[in-house]
Amino acid sequence: MLHATPVGKRVAIVVERARPLELAEVVCHTLGLSPRERQIVALVVRGRSTKEIASGLFISEWTVQDHLKSVFAKSGVSTRQELVAALFFGFWAPHHEQRRTPSARGHYLRRPC
């Protein structure tokens, strides 16, 4: 991760290892999840129930479930547990194991076979 901040007339840049949650956000973006789907995934990762998610986002529990179905289809998983595991391990570990090089933005352009 790169962070920049102005310091007088110069800019200080800090380079640090990306944390798992930051990497998960990149994976969600790469999967083409909508902003609402990404919000729901962020809450799922934090262990929120369907009822808690619905209440916090002011939507129905049915709508939460519909978004989750879409997320599952886009990510190739079928449960919340599989989704969390895929976000934190499944999407970049296979690339790393196959010694693939990420793009200039740090993304792998396709999932390994």
PDB file of N, CA and C in Angstrom:
ATOM      1  N   MET A   1       0.841  -1.167   0.000  1.00  0.00           N
ATOM      2  CA  MET A   1       0.000   0.000   0.000  1.00  0.00           C
ATOM      3  C   MET A   1       0.888   1.232   0.000  1.00  0.00           C
ATOM      4  N   LEU A   2       0.451   2.228  -0.726  1.00  0.00           N
ATOM      5  CA  LEU A   2       1.133   3.509  -0.751  1.00  0.00           C
ATOM      6  C   LEU A   2       0.239   4.558  -0.109  1.00  0.00           C
ATOM      7  N   HIS A   3       0.832   5.364   0.727  1.00  0.00           N
ATOM      8  CA  HIS A   3       0.130   6.484   1.345  1.00  0.00           C
ATOM      9  C   HIS A   3       0.986   7.723   1.109  1.00  0.00           C
ATOM     10  N   ALA A   4       0.352   8.810   0.741  1.00  0.00           N
ATOM     11  CA  ALA A   4       1.095  10.046   0.502  1.00  0.00           C
ATOM     12  C   ALA A   4       0.461  11.185   1.301  1.00  0.00           C
ATOM     13  N   THR A   5       1.318  12.096   1.751  1.00  0.00           N
ATOM     14  CA  THR A   5       0.839  13.272   2.464  1.00  0.00           C
ATOM     15  C   THR A   5       1.778  14.439   2.176  1.00  0.00           C
ATOM     16  N   PRO A   6       1.208  15.621   1.988  1.00  0.00           N
ATOM     17  CA  PRO A   6       2.080  16.772   1.748  1.00  0.00           C
ATOM     18  C   PRO A   6       2.838  17.156   3.017  1.00  0.00           C
ATOM     19  N   VAL A   7       4.106  17.474   2.826  1.00  0.00           N
ATOM     20  CA  VAL A   7       4.966  17.951   3.917  1.00  0.00           C
ATOM     21  C   VAL A   7       5.664  19.190   3.373  1.00  0.00           C
ATOM     22  N   GLY A   8       5.081  20.350   3.668  1.00  0.00           N
ATOM     23  CA  GLY A   8       5.605  21.592   3.096  1.00  0.00           C
ATOM     24  C   GLY A   8       5.403  21.574   1.589  1.00  0.00           C
ATOM     25  N   LYS A   9       6.506  21.804   0.850  1.00  0.00           N
ATOM     26  CA  LYS A   9       6.429  21.791  -0.613  1.00  0.00           C
ATOM     27  C   LYS A   9       6.721  20.399  -1.186  1.00  0.00           C
ATOM     28  N   ARG A  10       6.925  19.442  -0.322  1.00  0.00           N
ATOM     29  CA  ARG A  10       7.242  18.079  -0.750  1.00  0.00           C
ATOM     30  C   ARG A  10       6.115  17.125  -0.372  1.00  0.00           C
ATOM     31  N   VAL A  11       6.239  15.908  -0.854  1.00  0.00           N
ATOM     32  CA  VAL A  11       5.256  14.878  -0.528  1.00  0.00           C
ATOM     33  C   VAL A  11       5.986  13.690   0.086  1.00  0.00           C
ATOM     34  N   ALA A  12       5.513  13.262   1.240  1.00  0.00           N
ATOM     35  CA  ALA A  12       6.074  12.071   1.885  1.00  0.00           C
ATOM     36  C   ALA A  12       5.248  10.869   1.454  1.00  0.00           C
ATOM     37  N   ILE A  13       5.924   9.806   1.046  1.00  0.00           N
ATOM     38  CA  ILE A  13       5.252   8.588   0.612  1.00  0.00           C
ATOM     39  C   ILE A  13       5.676   7.453   1.536  1.00  0.00           C
ATOM     40  N   VAL A  14       4.677   6.739   2.039  1.00  0.00           N
ATOM     41  CA  VAL A  14       4.924   5.602   2.912  1.00  0.00           C
ATOM     42  C   VAL A  14       4.492   4.344   2.168  1.00  0.00           C
ATOM     43  N   VAL A  15       5.374   3.359   2.125  1.00  0.00           N
ATOM     44  CA  VAL A  15       5.069   2.076   1.498  1.00  0.00           C
ATOM     45  C   VAL A  15       4.988   1.042   2.615  1.00  0.00           C
ATOM     46  N   GLU A  16       3.877   0.322   2.652  1.00  0.00           N
ATOM     47  CA  GLU A  16       3.722  -0.710   3.671  1.00  0.00           C
ATOM     48  C   GLU A  16       2.965  -1.902   3.103  1.00  0.00           C
ATOM     49  N   ARG A  17       3.102  -3.030   3.749  1.00  0.00           N
ATOM     50  CA  ARG A  17       2.411  -4.238   3.330  1.00  0.00           C
ATOM     51  C   ARG A  17       0.904  -4.033   3.497  1.00  0.00           C
ATOM     52  N   ALA A  18       0.144  -4.417   2.470  1.00  0.00           N
ATOM     53  CA  ALA A  18      -1.314  -4.295   2.537  1.00  0.00           C
ATOM     54  C   ALA A  18      -1.864  -5.291   3.548  1.00  0.00           C
ATOM     55  N   ARG A  19      -2.839  -4.834   4.310  1.00  0.00           N
ATOM     56  CA  ARG A  19      -3.481  -5.705   5.286  1.00  0.00           C
ATOM     57  C   ARG A  19      -4.551  -6.546   4.583  1.00  0.00           C
ATOM     58  N   PRO A  20      -4.932  -7.674   5.172  1.00  0.00           N
ATOM     59  CA  PRO A  20      -5.912  -8.552   4.523  1.00  0.00           C
ATOM     60  C   PRO A  20      -7.206  -7.862   4.119  1.00  0.00           C
ATOM     61  N   LEU A  21      -7.724  -6.983   4.967  1.00  0.00           N
ATOM     62  CA  LEU A  21      -8.976  -6.308   4.630  1.00  0.00           C
ATOM     63  C   LEU A  21      -8.803  -5.409   3.413  1.00  0.00           C
ATOM     64  N   GLU A  22      -7.665  -4.748   3.295  1.00  0.00           N
ATOM     65  CA  GLU A  22      -7.393  -3.913   2.117  1.00  0.00           C
ATOM     66  C   GLU A  22      -7.288  -4.775   0.866  1.00  0.00           C
ATOM     67  N   LEU A  23      -6.655  -5.922   0.985  1.00  0.00           N
ATOM     68  CA  LEU A  23      -6.562  -6.828  -0.158  1.00  0.00           C
ATOM     69  C   LEU A  23      -7.936  -7.356  -0.538  1.00  0.00           C
ATOM     70  N   ALA A  24      -8.768  -7.620   0.451  1.00  0.00           N
ATOM     71  CA  ALA A  24     -10.123  -8.095   0.176  1.00  0.00           C
ATOM     72  C   ALA A  24     -10.904  -7.051  -0.624  1.00  0.00           C
ATOM     73  N   GLU A  25     -10.700  -5.771  -0.309  1.00  0.00           N
ATOM     74  CA  GLU A  25     -11.369  -4.709  -1.062  1.00  0.00           C
ATOM     75  C   GLU A  25     -10.941  -4.717  -2.524  1.00  0.00           C
ATOM     76  N   VAL A  26      -9.670  -4.971  -2.774  1.00  0.00           N
ATOM     77  CA  VAL A  26      -9.162  -5.053  -4.155  1.00  0.00           C
ATOM     78  C   VAL A  26      -9.810  -6.231  -4.869  1.00  0.00           C
ATOM     79  N   VAL A  27      -9.909  -7.360  -4.177  1.00  0.00           N
ATOM     80  CA  VAL A  27     -10.525  -8.544  -4.772  1.00  0.00           C
ATOM     81  C   VAL A  27     -11.984  -8.255  -5.106  1.00  0.00           C
ATOM     82  N   CYS A  28     -12.708  -7.609  -4.220  1.00  0.00           N
ATOM     83  CA  CYS A  28     -14.119  -7.275  -4.472  1.00  0.00           C
ATOM     84  C   CYS A  28     -14.251  -6.386  -5.698  1.00  0.00           C
ATOM     85  N   HIS A  29     -13.372  -5.427  -5.819  1.00  0.00           N
ATOM     86  CA  HIS A  29     -13.393  -4.538  -6.984  1.00  0.00           C
ATOM     87  C   HIS A  29     -13.114  -5.328  -8.259  1.00  0.00           C
ATOM     88  N   THR A  30     -12.137  -6.230  -8.189  1.00  0.00           N
ATOM     89  CA  THR A  30     -11.767  -7.044  -9.345  1.00  0.00           C
ATOM     90  C   THR A  30     -12.908  -7.955  -9.773  1.00  0.00           C
ATOM     91  N   LEU A  31     -13.695  -8.431  -8.812  1.00  0.00           N
ATOM     92  CA  LEU A  31     -14.832  -9.294  -9.129  1.00  0.00           C
ATOM     93  C   LEU A  31     -15.982  -8.533  -9.769  1.00  0.00           C
ATOM     94  N   GLY A  32     -15.916  -7.222  -9.742  1.00  0.00           N
ATOM     95  CA  GLY A  32     -16.985  -6.418 -10.330  1.00  0.00           C
ATOM     96  C   GLY A  32     -18.191  -6.258  -9.423  1.00  0.00           C
ATOM     97  N   LEU A  33     -17.965  -6.318  -8.113  1.00  0.00           N
ATOM     98  CA  LEU A  33     -19.084  -6.140  -7.192  1.00  0.00           C
ATOM     99  C   LEU A  33     -19.538  -4.685  -7.185  1.00  0.00           C
ATOM    100  N   SER A  34     -20.843  -4.507  -7.072  1.00  0.00           N
ATOM    101  CA  SER A  34     -21.403  -3.158  -7.013  1.00  0.00           C
ATOM    102  C   SER A  34     -21.030  -2.521  -5.671  1.00  0.00           C
ATOM    103  N   PRO A  35     -21.163  -1.206  -5.561  1.00  0.00           N
ATOM    104  CA  PRO A  35     -20.872  -0.560  -4.272  1.00  0.00           C
ATOM    105  C   PRO A  35     -21.692  -1.159  -3.116  1.00  0.00           C
ATOM    106  N   ARG A  36     -22.965  -1.458  -3.345  1.00  0.00           N
ATOM    107  CA  ARG A  36     -23.806  -2.031  -2.289  1.00  0.00           C
ATOM    108  C   ARG A  36     -23.332  -3.446  -1.943  1.00  0.00           C
ATOM    109  N   GLU A  37     -22.971  -4.221  -2.959  1.00  0.00           N
ATOM    110  CA  GLU A  37     -22.452  -5.569  -2.698  1.00  0.00           C
ATOM    111  C   GLU A  37     -21.171  -5.497  -1.885  1.00  0.00           C
ATOM    112  N   ARG A  38     -20.312  -4.527  -2.192  1.00  0.00           N
ATOM    113  CA  ARG A  38     -19.076  -4.374  -1.421  1.00  0.00           C
ATOM    114  C   ARG A  38     -19.367  -3.984   0.026  1.00  0.00           C
ATOM    115  N   GLN A  39     -20.382  -3.151   0.240  1.00  0.00           N
ATOM    116  CA  GLN A  39     -20.783  -2.791   1.606  1.00  0.00           C
ATOM    117  C   GLN A  39     -21.217  -4.039   2.371  1.00  0.00           C
ATOM    118  N   ILE A  40     -22.021  -4.858   1.721  1.00  0.00           N
ATOM    119  CA  ILE A  40     -22.536  -6.062   2.370  1.00  0.00           C
ATOM    120  C   ILE A  40     -21.405  -7.042   2.656  1.00  0.00           C
ATOM    121  N   VAL A  41     -20.497  -7.210   1.709  1.00  0.00           N
ATOM    122  CA  VAL A  41     -19.355  -8.095   1.930  1.00  0.00           C
ATOM    123  C   VAL A  41     -18.530  -7.605   3.116  1.00  0.00           C
ATOM    124  N   ALA A  42     -18.311  -6.309   3.217  1.00  0.00           N
ATOM    125  CA  ALA A  42     -17.540  -5.756   4.343  1.00  0.00           C
ATOM    126  C   ALA A  42     -18.201  -6.099   5.671  1.00  0.00           C
ATOM    127  N   LEU A  43     -19.519  -6.080   5.710  1.00  0.00           N
ATOM    128  CA  LEU A  43     -20.232  -6.413   6.944  1.00  0.00           C
ATOM    129  C   LEU A  43     -20.217  -7.917   7.206  1.00  0.00           C
ATOM    130  N   VAL A  44     -20.303  -8.717   6.159  1.00  0.00           N
ATOM    131  CA  VAL A  44     -20.207 -10.176   6.312  1.00  0.00           C
ATOM    132  C   VAL A  44     -18.846 -10.548   6.888  1.00  0.00           C
ATOM    133  N   VAL A  45     -17.801  -9.926   6.359  1.00  0.00           N
ATOM    134  CA  VAL A  45     -16.441 -10.198   6.834  1.00  0.00           C
ATOM    135  C   VAL A  45     -16.315  -9.855   8.320  1.00  0.00           C
ATOM    136  N   ARG A  46     -17.052  -8.869   8.757  1.00  0.00           N
ATOM    137  CA  ARG A  46     -17.015  -8.475  10.174  1.00  0.00           C
ATOM    138  C   ARG A  46     -17.942  -9.332  11.043  1.00  0.00           C
ATOM    139  N   GLY A  47     -18.571 -10.355  10.424  1.00  0.00           N
ATOM    140  CA  GLY A  47     -19.395 -11.292  11.183  1.00  0.00           C
ATOM    141  C   GLY A  47     -20.826 -10.854  11.433  1.00  0.00           C
ATOM    142  N   ARG A  48     -21.308  -9.857  10.707  1.00  0.00           N
ATOM    143  CA  ARG A  48     -22.680  -9.379  10.909  1.00  0.00           C
ATOM    144  C   ARG A  48     -23.696 -10.366  10.326  1.00  0.00           C
ATOM    145  N   SER A  49     -24.823 -10.514  11.003  1.00  0.00           N
ATOM    146  CA  SER A  49     -25.907 -11.375  10.537  1.00  0.00           C
ATOM    147  C   SER A  49     -26.710 -10.644   9.461  1.00  0.00           C
ATOM    148  N   THR A  50     -27.551 -11.389   8.771  1.00  0.00           N
ATOM    149  CA  THR A  50     -28.423 -10.778   7.761  1.00  0.00           C
ATOM    150  C   THR A  50     -29.281  -9.694   8.392  1.00  0.00           C
ATOM    151  N   LYS A  51     -29.829  -9.973   9.561  1.00  0.00           N
ATOM    152  CA  LYS A  51     -30.682  -9.004  10.250  1.00  0.00           C
ATOM    153  C   LYS A  51     -29.897  -7.736  10.598  1.00  0.00           C
ATOM    154  N   GLU A  52     -28.675  -7.892  11.094  1.00  0.00           N
ATOM    155  CA  GLU A  52     -27.841  -6.737  11.449  1.00  0.00           C
ATOM    156  C   GLU A  52     -27.479  -5.920  10.204  1.00  0.00           C
ATOM    157  N   ILE A  53     -27.168  -6.604   9.120  1.00  0.00           N
ATOM    158  CA  ILE A  53     -26.825  -5.910   7.875  1.00  0.00           C
ATOM    159  C   ILE A  53     -28.023  -5.123   7.374  1.00  0.00           C
ATOM    160  N   ALA A  54     -29.186  -5.763   7.340  1.00  0.00           N
ATOM    161  CA  ALA A  54     -30.405  -5.109   6.860  1.00  0.00           C
ATOM    162  C   ALA A  54     -30.723  -3.877   7.699  1.00  0.00           C
ATOM    163  N   SER A  55     -30.641  -4.019   8.998  1.00  0.00           N
ATOM    164  CA  SER A  55     -30.934  -2.905   9.895  1.00  0.00           C
ATOM    165  C   SER A  55     -29.941  -1.758   9.702  1.00  0.00           C
ATOM    166  N   GLY A  56     -28.670  -2.093   9.593  1.00  0.00           N
ATOM    167  CA  GLY A  56     -27.638  -1.071   9.444  1.00  0.00           C
ATOM    168  C   GLY A  56     -27.687  -0.334   8.121  1.00  0.00           C
ATOM    169  N   LEU A  57     -28.141  -1.012   7.063  1.00  0.00           N
ATOM    170  CA  LEU A  57     -28.202  -0.383   5.735  1.00  0.00           C
ATOM    171  C   LEU A  57     -29.601   0.091   5.367  1.00  0.00           C
ATOM    172  N   PHE A  58     -30.551  -0.104   6.274  1.00  0.00           N
ATOM    173  CA  PHE A  58     -31.945   0.315   6.059  1.00  0.00           C
ATOM    174  C   PHE A  58     -32.543  -0.326   4.811  1.00  0.00           C
ATOM    175  N   ILE A  59     -32.308  -1.641   4.682  1.00  0.00           N
ATOM    176  CA  ILE A  59     -32.904  -2.426   3.593  1.00  0.00           C
ATOM    177  C   ILE A  59     -33.502  -3.678   4.217  1.00  0.00           C
ATOM    178  N   SER A  60     -34.292  -4.413   3.442  1.00  0.00           N
ATOM    179  CA  SER A  60     -34.910  -5.624   3.981  1.00  0.00           C
ATOM    180  C   SER A  60     -33.910  -6.774   4.024  1.00  0.00           C
ATOM    181  N   GLU A  61     -34.215  -7.744   4.843  1.00  0.00           N
ATOM    182  CA  GLU A  61     -33.387  -8.945   4.910  1.00  0.00           C
ATOM    183  C   GLU A  61     -33.410  -9.679   3.571  1.00  0.00           C
ATOM    184  N   TRP A  62     -34.542  -9.618   2.865  1.00  0.00           N
ATOM    185  CA  TRP A  62     -34.641 -10.247   1.540  1.00  0.00           C
ATOM    186  C   TRP A  62     -33.668  -9.590   0.564  1.00  0.00           C
ATOM    187  N   THR A  63     -33.541  -8.283   0.657  1.00  0.00           N
ATOM    188  CA  THR A  63     -32.620  -7.564  -0.232  1.00  0.00           C
ATOM    189  C   THR A  63     -31.176  -7.941   0.077  1.00  0.00           C
ATOM    190  N   VAL A  64     -30.862  -8.082   1.351  1.00  0.00           N
ATOM    191  CA  VAL A  64     -29.518  -8.525   1.736  1.00  0.00           C
ATOM    192  C   VAL A  64     -29.243  -9.894   1.120  1.00  0.00           C
ATOM    193  N   GLN A  65     -30.201 -10.804   1.240  1.00  0.00           N
ATOM    194  CA  GLN A  65     -30.019 -12.148   0.686  1.00  0.00           C
ATOM    195  C   GLN A  65     -29.849 -12.107  -0.833  1.00  0.00           C
ATOM    196  N   ASP A  66     -30.608 -11.230  -1.506  1.00  0.00           N
ATOM    197  CA  ASP A  66     -30.464 -11.095  -2.962  1.00  0.00           C
ATOM    198  C   ASP A  66     -29.058 -10.621  -3.333  1.00  0.00           C
ATOM    199  N   HIS A  67     -28.547  -9.646  -2.584  1.00  0.00           N
ATOM    200  CA  HIS A  67     -27.190  -9.157  -2.840  1.00  0.00           C
ATOM    201  C   HIS A  67     -26.160 -10.262  -2.589  1.00  0.00           C
ATOM    202  N   LEU A  68     -26.368 -11.023  -1.518  1.00  0.00           N
ATOM    203  CA  LEU A  68     -25.436 -12.110  -1.224  1.00  0.00           C
ATOM    204  C   LEU A  68     -25.445 -13.172  -2.321  1.00  0.00           C
ATOM    205  N   LYS A  69     -26.620 -13.486  -2.856  1.00  0.00           N
ATOM    206  CA  LYS A  69     -26.697 -14.446  -3.965  1.00  0.00           C
ATOM    207  C   LYS A  69     -25.870 -13.955  -5.145  1.00  0.00           C
ATOM    208  N   SER A  70     -25.970 -12.675  -5.439  1.00  0.00           N
ATOM    209  CA  SER A  70     -25.210 -12.091  -6.537  1.00  0.00           C
ATOM    210  C   SER A  70     -23.706 -12.152  -6.258  1.00  0.00           C
ATOM    211  N   VAL A  71     -23.320 -11.835  -5.035  1.00  0.00           N
ATOM    212  CA  VAL A  71     -21.909 -11.890  -4.640  1.00  0.00           C
ATOM    213  C   VAL A  71     -21.395 -13.320  -4.762  1.00  0.00           C
ATOM    214  N   PHE A  72     -22.182 -14.275  -4.282  1.00  0.00           N
ATOM    215  CA  PHE A  72     -21.774 -15.682  -4.369  1.00  0.00           C
ATOM    216  C   PHE A  72     -21.579 -16.101  -5.816  1.00  0.00           C
ATOM    217  N   ALA A  73     -22.492 -15.698  -6.689  1.00  0.00           N
ATOM    218  CA  ALA A  73     -22.386 -16.066  -8.108  1.00  0.00           C
ATOM    219  C   ALA A  73     -21.138 -15.451  -8.739  1.00  0.00           C
ATOM    220  N   LYS A  74     -20.868 -14.198  -8.427  1.00  0.00           N
ATOM    221  CA  LYS A  74     -19.708 -13.517  -9.012  1.00  0.00           C
ATOM    222  C   LYS A  74     -18.393 -14.070  -8.479  1.00  0.00           C
ATOM    223  N   SER A  75     -18.402 -14.557  -7.250  1.00  0.00           N
ATOM    224  CA  SER A  75     -17.154 -15.024  -6.637  1.00  0.00           C
ATOM    225  C   SER A  75     -16.985 -16.537  -6.709  1.00  0.00           C
ATOM    226  N   GLY A  76     -18.011 -17.251  -7.159  1.00  0.00           N
ATOM    227  CA  GLY A  76     -17.907 -18.695  -7.303  1.00  0.00           C
ATOM    228  C   GLY A  76     -17.956 -19.466  -5.996  1.00  0.00           C
ATOM    229  N   VAL A  77     -18.628 -18.908  -4.996  1.00  0.00           N
ATOM    230  CA  VAL A  77     -18.782 -19.586  -3.706  1.00  0.00           C
ATOM    231  C   VAL A  77     -20.261 -19.737  -3.403  1.00  0.00           C
ATOM    232  N   SER A  78     -20.574 -20.486  -2.327  1.00  0.00           N
ATOM    233  CA  SER A  78     -21.991 -20.676  -2.020  1.00  0.00           C
ATOM    234  C   SER A  78     -22.357 -20.400  -0.562  1.00  0.00           C
ATOM    235  N   THR A  79     -21.386 -20.045   0.263  1.00  0.00           N
ATOM    236  CA  THR A  79     -21.682 -19.719   1.662  1.00  0.00           C
ATOM    237  C   THR A  79     -20.854 -18.516   2.103  1.00  0.00           C
ATOM    238  N   ARG A  80     -21.262 -17.939   3.203  1.00  0.00           N
ATOM    239  CA  ARG A  80     -20.512 -16.810   3.774  1.00  0.00           C
ATOM    240  C   ARG A  80     -19.095 -17.228   4.164  1.00  0.00           C
ATOM    241  N   GLN A  81     -18.991 -18.425   4.743  1.00  0.00           N
ATOM    242  CA  GLN A  81     -17.680 -18.907   5.162  1.00  0.00           C
ATOM    243  C   GLN A  81     -16.760 -19.074   3.959  1.00  0.00           C
ATOM    244  N   GLU A  82     -17.287 -19.630   2.868  1.00  0.00           N
ATOM    245  CA  GLU A  82     -16.491 -19.787   1.657  1.00  0.00           C
ATOM    246  C   GLU A  82     -16.091 -18.424   1.094  1.00  0.00           C
ATOM    247  N   LEU A  83     -16.999 -17.457   1.186  1.00  0.00           N
ATOM    248  CA  LEU A  83     -16.708 -16.110   0.693  1.00  0.00           C
ATOM    249  C   LEU A  83     -15.542 -15.500   1.457  1.00  0.00           C
ATOM    250  N   VAL A  84     -15.591 -15.573   2.781  1.00  0.00           N
ATOM    251  CA  VAL A  84     -14.519 -15.003   3.598  1.00  0.00           C
ATOM    252  C   VAL A  84     -13.200 -15.709   3.298  1.00  0.00           C
ATOM    253  N   ALA A  85     -13.239 -17.033   3.225  1.00  0.00           N
ATOM    254  CA  ALA A  85     -12.019 -17.786   2.912  1.00  0.00           C
ATOM    255  C   ALA A  85     -11.493 -17.410   1.534  1.00  0.00           C
ATOM    256  N   ALA A  86     -12.389 -17.272   0.563  1.00  0.00           N
ATOM    257  CA  ALA A  86     -11.969 -16.918  -0.792  1.00  0.00           C
ATOM    258  C   ALA A  86     -11.360 -15.525  -0.837  1.00  0.00           C
ATOM    259  N   LEU A  87     -11.956 -14.584  -0.128  1.00  0.00           N
ATOM    260  CA  LEU A  87     -11.437 -13.217  -0.128  1.00  0.00           C
ATOM    261  C   LEU A  87     -10.043 -13.139   0.472  1.00  0.00           C
ATOM    262  N   PHE A  88      -9.825 -13.882   1.534  1.00  0.00           N
ATOM    263  CA  PHE A  88      -8.556 -13.760   2.227  1.00  0.00           C
ATOM    264  C   PHE A  88      -7.505 -14.769   1.797  1.00  0.00           C
ATOM    265  N   PHE A  89      -7.919 -15.830   1.112  1.00  0.00           N
ATOM    266  CA  PHE A  89      -6.940 -16.834   0.710  1.00  0.00           C
ATOM    267  C   PHE A  89      -7.088 -17.282  -0.734  1.00  0.00           C
ATOM    268  N   GLY A  90      -8.296 -17.543  -1.157  1.00  0.00           N
ATOM    269  CA  GLY A  90      -8.524 -18.204  -2.429  1.00  0.00           C
ATOM    270  C   GLY A  90      -8.201 -17.432  -3.677  1.00  0.00           C
ATOM    271  N   PHE A  91      -8.316 -16.118  -3.666  1.00  0.00           N
ATOM    272  CA  PHE A  91      -8.160 -15.382  -4.905  1.00  0.00           C
ATOM    273  C   PHE A  91      -6.720 -15.039  -5.233  1.00  0.00           C
ATOM    274  N   TRP A  92      -5.861 -14.823  -4.244  1.00  0.00           N
ATOM    275  CA  TRP A  92      -4.492 -14.490  -4.600  1.00  0.00           C
ATOM    276  C   TRP A  92      -3.500 -15.611  -4.294  1.00  0.00           C
ATOM    277  N   ALA A  93      -3.817 -16.505  -3.373  1.00  0.00           N
ATOM    278  CA  ALA A  93      -2.889 -17.596  -3.060  1.00  0.00           C
ATOM    279  C   ALA A  93      -2.591 -18.482  -4.271  1.00  0.00           C
ATOM    280  N   PRO A  94      -3.607 -18.893  -5.064  1.00  0.00           N
ATOM    281  CA  PRO A  94      -3.286 -19.723  -6.233  1.00  0.00           C
ATOM    282  C   PRO A  94      -2.374 -19.014  -7.235  1.00  0.00           C
ATOM    283  N   HIS A  95      -2.557 -17.726  -7.413  1.00  0.00           N
ATOM    284  CA  HIS A  95      -1.684 -16.970  -8.318  1.00  0.00           C
ATOM    285  C   HIS A  95      -0.248 -16.992  -7.795  1.00  0.00           C
ATOM    286  N   HIS A  96      -0.126 -16.754  -6.499  1.00  0.00           N
ATOM    287  CA  HIS A  96       1.200 -16.729  -5.892  1.00  0.00           C
ATOM    288  C   HIS A  96       1.877 -18.099  -6.020  1.00  0.00           C
ATOM    289  N   GLU A  97       1.101 -19.149  -5.779  1.00  0.00           N
ATOM    290  CA  GLU A  97       1.650 -20.501  -5.878  1.00  0.00           C
ATOM    291  C   GLU A  97       2.126 -20.815  -7.297  1.00  0.00           C
ATOM    292  N   GLN A  98       1.437 -20.246  -8.308  1.00  0.00           N
ATOM    293  CA  GLN A  98       1.821 -20.476  -9.700  1.00  0.00           C
ATOM    294  C   GLN A  98       2.844 -19.447 -10.182  1.00  0.00           C
ATOM    295  N   ARG A  99       3.356 -18.649  -9.259  1.00  0.00           N
ATOM    296  CA  ARG A  99       4.390 -17.637  -9.529  1.00  0.00           C
ATOM    297  C   ARG A  99       3.978 -16.653 -10.622  1.00  0.00           C
ATOM    298  N   ARG A 100       2.706 -16.279 -10.619  1.00  0.00           N
ATOM    299  CA  ARG A 100       2.227 -15.266 -11.552  1.00  0.00           C
ATOM    300  C   ARG A 100       2.606 -13.897 -11.026  1.00  0.00           C
ATOM    301  N   THR A 101       2.789 -12.970 -11.941  1.00  0.00           N
ATOM    302  CA  THR A 101       3.124 -11.599 -11.576  1.00  0.00           C
ATOM    303  C   THR A 101       1.878 -10.737 -11.692  1.00  0.00           C
ATOM    304  N   PRO A 102       1.567  -9.956 -10.658  1.00  0.00           N
ATOM    305  CA  PRO A 102       0.400  -9.083 -10.738  1.00  0.00           C
ATOM    306  C   PRO A 102       0.639  -7.925 -11.702  1.00  0.00           C
ATOM    307  N   SER A 103      -0.456  -7.279 -12.094  1.00  0.00           N
ATOM    308  CA  SER A 103      -0.361  -6.107 -12.960  1.00  0.00           C
ATOM    309  C   SER A 103       0.304  -4.967 -12.197  1.00  0.00           C
ATOM    310  N   ALA A 104       0.528  -3.862 -12.888  1.00  0.00           N
ATOM    311  CA  ALA A 104       1.162  -2.699 -12.264  1.00  0.00           C
ATOM    312  C   ALA A 104       0.340  -2.175 -11.084  1.00  0.00           C
ATOM    313  N   ARG A 105      -0.964  -2.431 -11.083  1.00  0.00           N
ATOM    314  CA  ARG A 105      -1.818  -1.983  -9.984  1.00  0.00           C
ATOM    315  C   ARG A 105      -1.934  -3.017  -8.878  1.00  0.00           C
ATOM    316  N   GLY A 106      -1.244  -4.136  -9.028  1.00  0.00           N
ATOM    317  CA  GLY A 106      -1.284  -5.163  -7.997  1.00  0.00           C
ATOM    318  C   GLY A 106      -2.393  -6.179  -8.162  1.00  0.00           C
ATOM    319  N   HIS A 107      -3.075  -6.171  -9.306  1.00  0.00           N
ATOM    320  CA  HIS A 107      -4.169  -7.101  -9.557  1.00  0.00           C
ATOM    321  C   HIS A 107      -3.698  -8.263 -10.412  1.00  0.00           C
ATOM    322  N   TYR A 108      -4.269  -9.411 -10.183  1.00  0.00           N
ATOM    323  CA  TYR A 108      -4.097 -10.523 -11.099  1.00  0.00           C
ATOM    324  C   TYR A 108      -5.233 -10.415 -12.097  1.00  0.00           C
ATOM    325  N   LEU A 109      -4.926 -10.505 -13.358  1.00  0.00           N
ATOM    326  CA  LEU A 109      -5.913 -10.206 -14.379  1.00  0.00           C
ATOM    327  C   LEU A 109      -6.946 -11.303 -14.567  1.00  0.00           C
ATOM    328  N   ARG A 110      -6.632 -12.501 -14.170  1.00  0.00           N
ATOM    329  CA  ARG A 110      -7.630 -13.576 -14.259  1.00  0.00           C
ATOM    330  C   ARG A 110      -7.346 -14.587 -13.167  1.00  0.00           C
ATOM    331  N   ARG A 111      -8.382 -15.355 -12.843  1.00  0.00           N
ATOM    332  CA  ARG A 111      -8.233 -16.391 -11.823  1.00  0.00           C
ATOM    333  C   ARG A 111      -7.490 -17.578 -12.434  1.00  0.00           C
ATOM    334  N   PRO A 112      -6.646 -18.247 -11.660  1.00  0.00           N
ATOM    335  CA  PRO A 112      -5.950 -19.417 -12.199  1.00  0.00           C
ATOM    336  C   PRO A 112      -6.918 -20.558 -12.428  1.00  0.00           C
ATOM    337  N   CYS A 113      -6.559 -21.445 -13.319  1.00  0.00           N
ATOM    338  CA  CYS A 113      -7.404 -22.607 -13.634  1.00  0.00           C
ATOM    339  C   CYS A 113      -7.232 -23.677 -12.588  1.00  0.00           C
TER     340      CYS A 113
END
